[in-house]
């Protein structure tokens, strides 16, 4: 993803791509949910594959998380598929999103932080 412009609020270092399989639902509801998801600050891209019923999302995990996406789906009475693989990925996505959010807000503990953080003694 080098040399690519991202939406406002999206940092490439915190960018994640997620794929969620949805349960069977009304096509109009899905399109409305995708439109709503597309308005979330920190989201880079969203698309829906009608053939496989997979919602593809790219977002800055330091700003939003998979739960924000699922809240919008719930608003339109849409559910993520209940198969074991999707359930497993959801747990992994939540773990990684939280890890990115925690690390984005923490101070580096070693000298590998920002270049201005070390001072020389005379």
N, C-alpha and C. Protein backbone atom coordinates (compact mmCIF):
# COMPACT_ATOMS: atom_id res chain seq x y z
N UNK A 1 0.81 -1.18 0.00
CA UNK A 1 0.00 0.00 0.00
C UNK A 1 0.86 1.25 0.00
N UNK A 2 2.07 1.16 -0.44
CA UNK A 2 2.96 2.32 -0.51
C UNK A 2 2.43 3.31 -1.53
N UNK A 3 2.74 4.58 -1.28
CA UNK A 3 2.37 5.68 -2.18
C UNK A 3 0.87 5.76 -2.43
N UNK A 4 0.07 5.39 -1.50
CA UNK A 4 -1.38 5.47 -1.65
C UNK A 4 -1.92 6.51 -0.70
N UNK A 5 -2.82 7.32 -1.19
CA UNK A 5 -3.49 8.31 -0.35
C UNK A 5 -4.56 7.60 0.48
N UNK A 6 -4.63 7.95 1.74
CA UNK A 6 -5.64 7.39 2.62
C UNK A 6 -6.62 8.48 3.00
N UNK A 7 -7.80 8.06 3.45
CA UNK A 7 -8.80 9.02 3.90
C UNK A 7 -8.32 9.74 5.15
N UNK A 8 -8.99 10.84 5.44
CA UNK A 8 -8.70 11.60 6.64
C UNK A 8 -8.90 10.72 7.88
N UNK A 9 -7.93 10.76 8.78
CA UNK A 9 -8.03 9.99 10.01
C UNK A 9 -7.44 8.59 9.91
N UNK A 10 -6.81 8.27 8.79
CA UNK A 10 -6.25 6.92 8.61
C UNK A 10 -4.73 7.02 8.47
N UNK A 11 -4.04 6.35 9.38
CA UNK A 11 -2.59 6.27 9.34
C UNK A 11 -2.19 4.90 8.79
N UNK A 12 -1.29 4.89 7.85
CA UNK A 12 -0.89 3.63 7.24
C UNK A 12 -0.29 2.66 8.25
N UNK A 13 0.37 3.18 9.29
CA UNK A 13 0.99 2.30 10.27
C UNK A 13 -0.04 1.57 11.13
N UNK A 14 -1.27 2.08 11.19
CA UNK A 14 -2.32 1.44 11.98
C UNK A 14 -3.43 0.87 11.12
N UNK A 15 -3.20 0.80 9.82
CA UNK A 15 -4.21 0.32 8.88
C UNK A 15 -4.34 -1.21 8.94
N UNK A 16 -5.58 -1.67 9.07
CA UNK A 16 -5.85 -3.11 9.05
C UNK A 16 -6.93 -3.39 8.01
N UNK A 17 -6.94 -4.59 7.49
CA UNK A 17 -7.94 -5.02 6.52
C UNK A 17 -8.68 -6.21 7.12
N UNK A 18 -9.99 -6.15 7.12
CA UNK A 18 -10.83 -7.19 7.72
C UNK A 18 -11.82 -7.72 6.70
N UNK A 19 -12.14 -9.00 6.84
CA UNK A 19 -13.11 -9.67 5.97
C UNK A 19 -14.11 -10.41 6.86
N UNK A 20 -15.36 -9.97 6.82
CA UNK A 20 -16.40 -10.59 7.64
C UNK A 20 -17.48 -11.19 6.75
N UNK A 21 -17.74 -12.46 6.95
CA UNK A 21 -18.83 -13.10 6.22
C UNK A 21 -20.14 -12.78 6.94
N UNK A 22 -21.13 -12.32 6.17
CA UNK A 22 -22.43 -11.99 6.74
C UNK A 22 -23.40 -13.13 6.53
N UNK A 23 -24.38 -13.20 7.40
CA UNK A 23 -25.45 -14.17 7.24
C UNK A 23 -26.38 -13.70 6.12
N UNK A 24 -27.24 -14.58 5.68
CA UNK A 24 -28.20 -14.23 4.63
C UNK A 24 -29.07 -13.07 5.09
N UNK A 25 -29.26 -12.08 4.20
CA UNK A 25 -30.05 -10.91 4.57
C UNK A 25 -30.55 -10.21 3.32
N UNK A 26 -31.42 -9.27 3.54
CA UNK A 26 -31.97 -8.44 2.48
C UNK A 26 -30.85 -7.59 1.87
N UNK A 27 -30.76 -7.62 0.55
CA UNK A 27 -29.69 -6.91 -0.15
C UNK A 27 -29.74 -5.40 0.11
N UNK A 28 -30.94 -4.83 0.17
CA UNK A 28 -31.08 -3.39 0.42
C UNK A 28 -30.55 -3.00 1.79
N UNK A 29 -30.79 -3.84 2.80
CA UNK A 29 -30.28 -3.58 4.14
C UNK A 29 -28.75 -3.57 4.14
N UNK A 30 -28.18 -4.50 3.42
CA UNK A 30 -26.71 -4.59 3.36
C UNK A 30 -26.14 -3.34 2.71
N UNK A 31 -26.74 -2.89 1.61
CA UNK A 31 -26.24 -1.69 0.93
C UNK A 31 -26.36 -0.45 1.81
N UNK A 32 -27.44 -0.34 2.57
CA UNK A 32 -27.61 0.79 3.49
C UNK A 32 -26.57 0.73 4.60
N UNK A 33 -26.31 -0.46 5.11
CA UNK A 33 -25.30 -0.62 6.16
C UNK A 33 -23.92 -0.25 5.63
N UNK A 34 -23.61 -0.66 4.41
CA UNK A 34 -22.31 -0.33 3.80
C UNK A 34 -22.18 1.19 3.66
N UNK A 35 -23.25 1.86 3.26
CA UNK A 35 -23.23 3.32 3.16
C UNK A 35 -22.97 3.97 4.52
N UNK A 36 -23.61 3.45 5.55
CA UNK A 36 -23.40 3.96 6.91
C UNK A 36 -21.97 3.71 7.40
N UNK A 37 -21.47 2.52 7.16
CA UNK A 37 -20.11 2.17 7.57
C UNK A 37 -19.10 3.08 6.86
N UNK A 38 -19.38 3.40 5.61
CA UNK A 38 -18.49 4.24 4.81
C UNK A 38 -18.33 5.65 5.40
N UNK A 39 -19.23 6.07 6.27
CA UNK A 39 -19.19 7.41 6.86
C UNK A 39 -18.41 7.46 8.18
N UNK A 40 -17.95 6.33 8.67
CA UNK A 40 -17.24 6.30 9.96
C UNK A 40 -15.86 6.93 9.81
N UNK A 41 -15.53 7.85 10.74
CA UNK A 41 -14.22 8.49 10.73
C UNK A 41 -13.15 7.46 11.10
N UNK A 42 -12.12 7.37 10.29
CA UNK A 42 -11.06 6.39 10.51
C UNK A 42 -11.15 5.20 9.57
N UNK A 43 -12.24 5.15 8.79
CA UNK A 43 -12.41 4.07 7.83
C UNK A 43 -11.72 4.46 6.52
N UNK A 44 -11.01 3.53 5.92
CA UNK A 44 -10.32 3.81 4.66
C UNK A 44 -11.11 3.30 3.47
N UNK A 45 -11.70 2.10 3.58
CA UNK A 45 -12.46 1.53 2.46
C UNK A 45 -13.42 0.46 2.97
N UNK A 46 -14.54 0.31 2.26
CA UNK A 46 -15.49 -0.74 2.57
C UNK A 46 -16.11 -1.21 1.26
N UNK A 47 -16.30 -2.52 1.14
CA UNK A 47 -16.97 -3.09 -0.03
C UNK A 47 -17.67 -4.37 0.39
N UNK A 48 -18.62 -4.78 -0.43
CA UNK A 48 -19.37 -5.99 -0.15
C UNK A 48 -19.35 -6.88 -1.38
N UNK A 49 -18.92 -8.12 -1.20
CA UNK A 49 -18.90 -9.10 -2.29
C UNK A 49 -20.19 -9.90 -2.24
N UNK A 50 -21.07 -9.65 -3.21
CA UNK A 50 -22.39 -10.29 -3.23
C UNK A 50 -22.31 -11.79 -3.46
N UNK A 51 -21.29 -12.23 -4.15
CA UNK A 51 -21.17 -13.65 -4.46
C UNK A 51 -20.84 -14.48 -3.22
N UNK A 52 -19.90 -13.98 -2.42
CA UNK A 52 -19.48 -14.75 -1.24
C UNK A 52 -20.09 -14.21 0.06
N UNK A 53 -20.82 -13.11 -0.01
CA UNK A 53 -21.44 -12.47 1.16
C UNK A 53 -20.39 -12.02 2.17
N UNK A 54 -19.28 -11.49 1.68
CA UNK A 54 -18.19 -11.04 2.55
C UNK A 54 -18.10 -9.52 2.51
N UNK A 55 -18.04 -8.94 3.70
CA UNK A 55 -17.85 -7.51 3.87
C UNK A 55 -16.36 -7.27 4.04
N UNK A 56 -15.76 -6.47 3.17
CA UNK A 56 -14.34 -6.16 3.20
C UNK A 56 -14.17 -4.74 3.73
N UNK A 57 -13.35 -4.59 4.77
CA UNK A 57 -13.20 -3.31 5.44
C UNK A 57 -11.72 -3.03 5.68
N UNK A 58 -11.32 -1.79 5.45
CA UNK A 58 -9.97 -1.34 5.79
C UNK A 58 -10.13 -0.10 6.68
N UNK A 59 -9.47 -0.10 7.84
CA UNK A 59 -9.62 1.03 8.75
C UNK A 59 -8.40 1.20 9.63
N UNK A 60 -8.32 2.35 10.27
CA UNK A 60 -7.26 2.67 11.22
C UNK A 60 -7.69 2.11 12.58
N UNK A 61 -7.00 1.09 13.03
CA UNK A 61 -7.40 0.40 14.26
C UNK A 61 -7.09 1.21 15.52
N UNK A 62 -6.36 2.31 15.40
CA UNK A 62 -6.15 3.16 16.57
C UNK A 62 -7.36 4.08 16.79
N UNK A 63 -8.24 4.18 15.80
CA UNK A 63 -9.42 5.06 15.89
C UNK A 63 -10.73 4.27 16.05
N UNK A 64 -10.89 3.19 15.29
CA UNK A 64 -12.11 2.38 15.37
C UNK A 64 -11.72 0.91 15.50
N UNK A 65 -12.71 0.07 15.77
CA UNK A 65 -12.45 -1.35 15.91
C UNK A 65 -13.58 -2.15 15.25
N UNK A 66 -13.43 -3.43 15.24
CA UNK A 66 -14.42 -4.30 14.60
C UNK A 66 -15.79 -4.15 15.27
N UNK A 67 -15.82 -3.83 16.55
CA UNK A 67 -17.09 -3.65 17.25
C UNK A 67 -17.87 -2.46 16.70
N UNK A 68 -17.17 -1.41 16.27
CA UNK A 68 -17.85 -0.25 15.66
C UNK A 68 -18.57 -0.66 14.38
N UNK A 69 -17.94 -1.51 13.62
CA UNK A 69 -18.54 -2.00 12.37
C UNK A 69 -19.75 -2.87 12.69
N UNK A 70 -19.60 -3.75 13.67
CA UNK A 70 -20.68 -4.66 14.03
C UNK A 70 -21.87 -3.90 14.64
N UNK A 71 -21.61 -2.76 15.27
CA UNK A 71 -22.71 -1.94 15.80
C UNK A 71 -23.59 -1.42 14.66
N UNK A 72 -22.96 -1.02 13.57
CA UNK A 72 -23.73 -0.55 12.41
C UNK A 72 -24.51 -1.71 11.80
N UNK A 73 -23.89 -2.87 11.70
CA UNK A 73 -24.59 -4.04 11.17
C UNK A 73 -25.80 -4.37 12.02
N UNK A 74 -25.64 -4.28 13.33
CA UNK A 74 -26.75 -4.57 14.25
C UNK A 74 -27.89 -3.57 14.07
N UNK A 75 -27.53 -2.32 13.80
CA UNK A 75 -28.54 -1.28 13.57
C UNK A 75 -29.46 -1.65 12.40
N UNK A 76 -28.90 -2.34 11.41
CA UNK A 76 -29.68 -2.76 10.24
C UNK A 76 -30.14 -4.22 10.35
N UNK A 77 -30.04 -4.77 11.54
CA UNK A 77 -30.46 -6.13 11.83
C UNK A 77 -29.74 -7.15 10.95
N UNK A 78 -28.46 -6.91 10.75
CA UNK A 78 -27.60 -7.83 10.00
C UNK A 78 -26.69 -8.55 10.99
N UNK A 79 -26.41 -9.79 10.70
CA UNK A 79 -25.56 -10.58 11.58
C UNK A 79 -24.34 -11.09 10.83
N UNK A 80 -23.25 -11.17 11.58
CA UNK A 80 -22.06 -11.83 11.06
C UNK A 80 -22.35 -13.31 11.07
N UNK A 81 -21.86 -14.03 10.09
CA UNK A 81 -22.10 -15.47 9.99
C UNK A 81 -21.69 -16.18 11.29
N UNK A 82 -22.40 -17.22 11.62
CA UNK A 82 -22.14 -17.95 12.86
C UNK A 82 -21.23 -19.16 12.67
N UNK A 83 -20.55 -19.24 11.52
CA UNK A 83 -19.65 -20.37 11.33
C UNK A 83 -18.39 -20.20 12.19
N UNK A 84 -17.71 -21.29 12.46
CA UNK A 84 -16.59 -21.27 13.40
C UNK A 84 -15.43 -20.41 12.90
N UNK A 85 -15.18 -20.38 11.59
CA UNK A 85 -14.05 -19.63 11.04
C UNK A 85 -14.28 -18.13 11.23
N UNK A 86 -15.46 -17.65 10.93
CA UNK A 86 -15.77 -16.23 11.11
C UNK A 86 -15.71 -15.86 12.58
N UNK A 87 -16.20 -16.72 13.44
CA UNK A 87 -16.14 -16.48 14.88
C UNK A 87 -14.69 -16.41 15.36
N UNK A 88 -13.85 -17.29 14.85
CA UNK A 88 -12.43 -17.30 15.20
C UNK A 88 -11.77 -15.99 14.75
N UNK A 89 -12.05 -15.57 13.51
CA UNK A 89 -11.46 -14.33 12.99
C UNK A 89 -11.92 -13.11 13.78
N UNK A 90 -13.18 -13.09 14.19
CA UNK A 90 -13.67 -11.97 14.99
C UNK A 90 -12.86 -11.81 16.28
N UNK A 91 -12.60 -12.91 16.95
CA UNK A 91 -11.81 -12.86 18.17
C UNK A 91 -10.40 -12.36 17.91
N UNK A 92 -9.80 -12.83 16.83
CA UNK A 92 -8.46 -12.39 16.47
C UNK A 92 -8.46 -10.90 16.12
N UNK A 93 -9.45 -10.46 15.34
CA UNK A 93 -9.56 -9.05 14.97
C UNK A 93 -9.69 -8.17 16.21
N UNK A 94 -10.50 -8.58 17.17
CA UNK A 94 -10.68 -7.81 18.41
C UNK A 94 -9.35 -7.69 19.17
N UNK A 95 -8.62 -8.80 19.25
CA UNK A 95 -7.34 -8.82 19.95
C UNK A 95 -6.35 -7.86 19.29
N UNK A 96 -6.21 -7.95 17.98
CA UNK A 96 -5.25 -7.11 17.25
C UNK A 96 -5.67 -5.64 17.32
N UNK A 97 -6.96 -5.35 17.14
CA UNK A 97 -7.43 -3.97 17.21
C UNK A 97 -7.12 -3.35 18.56
N UNK A 98 -7.37 -4.09 19.64
CA UNK A 98 -7.09 -3.57 20.98
C UNK A 98 -5.59 -3.37 21.18
N UNK A 99 -4.78 -4.27 20.66
CA UNK A 99 -3.33 -4.16 20.78
C UNK A 99 -2.83 -2.91 20.05
N UNK A 100 -3.33 -2.66 18.86
CA UNK A 100 -2.93 -1.48 18.10
C UNK A 100 -3.35 -0.21 18.83
N UNK A 101 -4.58 -0.20 19.35
CA UNK A 101 -5.08 0.98 20.08
C UNK A 101 -4.23 1.24 21.32
N UNK A 102 -3.91 0.19 22.08
CA UNK A 102 -3.09 0.35 23.28
C UNK A 102 -1.69 0.85 22.94
N UNK A 103 -1.08 0.31 21.90
CA UNK A 103 0.28 0.70 21.52
C UNK A 103 0.32 2.11 20.93
N UNK A 104 -0.73 2.54 20.27
CA UNK A 104 -0.76 3.89 19.70
C UNK A 104 -0.78 4.95 20.79
N UNK A 105 -1.31 4.62 21.97
CA UNK A 105 -1.43 5.58 23.06
C UNK A 105 -0.32 5.48 24.10
N UNK A 106 0.63 4.56 23.92
CA UNK A 106 1.67 4.38 24.95
C UNK A 106 2.98 5.04 24.53
N UNK A 107 3.77 5.38 25.52
CA UNK A 107 5.08 5.96 25.31
C UNK A 107 6.09 4.84 25.07
N UNK A 108 7.02 5.02 24.13
CA UNK A 108 8.06 4.00 23.95
C UNK A 108 8.91 3.90 25.22
N UNK A 109 9.26 2.70 25.61
CA UNK A 109 9.98 2.51 26.87
C UNK A 109 11.49 2.49 26.68
N UNK A 110 11.97 2.43 25.44
CA UNK A 110 13.42 2.34 25.23
C UNK A 110 13.93 3.53 24.43
N UNK A 111 15.19 3.49 24.11
CA UNK A 111 15.79 4.57 23.33
C UNK A 111 15.36 4.53 21.86
N UNK A 112 14.50 3.60 21.49
CA UNK A 112 14.05 3.48 20.11
C UNK A 112 12.83 4.36 19.84
N UNK A 113 12.54 5.25 20.76
CA UNK A 113 11.41 6.17 20.59
C UNK A 113 11.73 7.24 19.59
N UNK A 114 11.08 8.37 19.70
CA UNK A 114 11.30 9.46 18.76
C UNK A 114 12.71 10.02 18.93
N UNK A 115 13.25 10.62 17.88
CA UNK A 115 14.64 11.07 17.88
C UNK A 115 14.88 12.20 18.87
N UNK A 116 13.87 12.96 19.21
CA UNK A 116 14.04 14.06 20.14
C UNK A 116 13.87 13.66 21.60
N UNK A 117 13.65 12.38 21.88
CA UNK A 117 13.36 11.98 23.25
C UNK A 117 14.61 11.72 24.09
N UNK A 118 15.77 11.62 23.46
CA UNK A 118 16.99 11.36 24.24
C UNK A 118 17.77 12.66 24.42
N UNK A 119 18.35 12.83 25.58
CA UNK A 119 19.16 14.02 25.84
C UNK A 119 20.57 13.58 26.18
N UNK A 120 21.53 14.39 25.73
CA UNK A 120 22.93 14.09 26.01
C UNK A 120 23.37 14.86 27.23
N UNK A 121 24.16 14.20 28.06
CA UNK A 121 24.72 14.88 29.24
C UNK A 121 26.08 15.43 28.84
N UNK A 122 26.36 16.61 29.38
CA UNK A 122 27.67 17.26 29.08
C UNK A 122 28.65 17.03 30.17
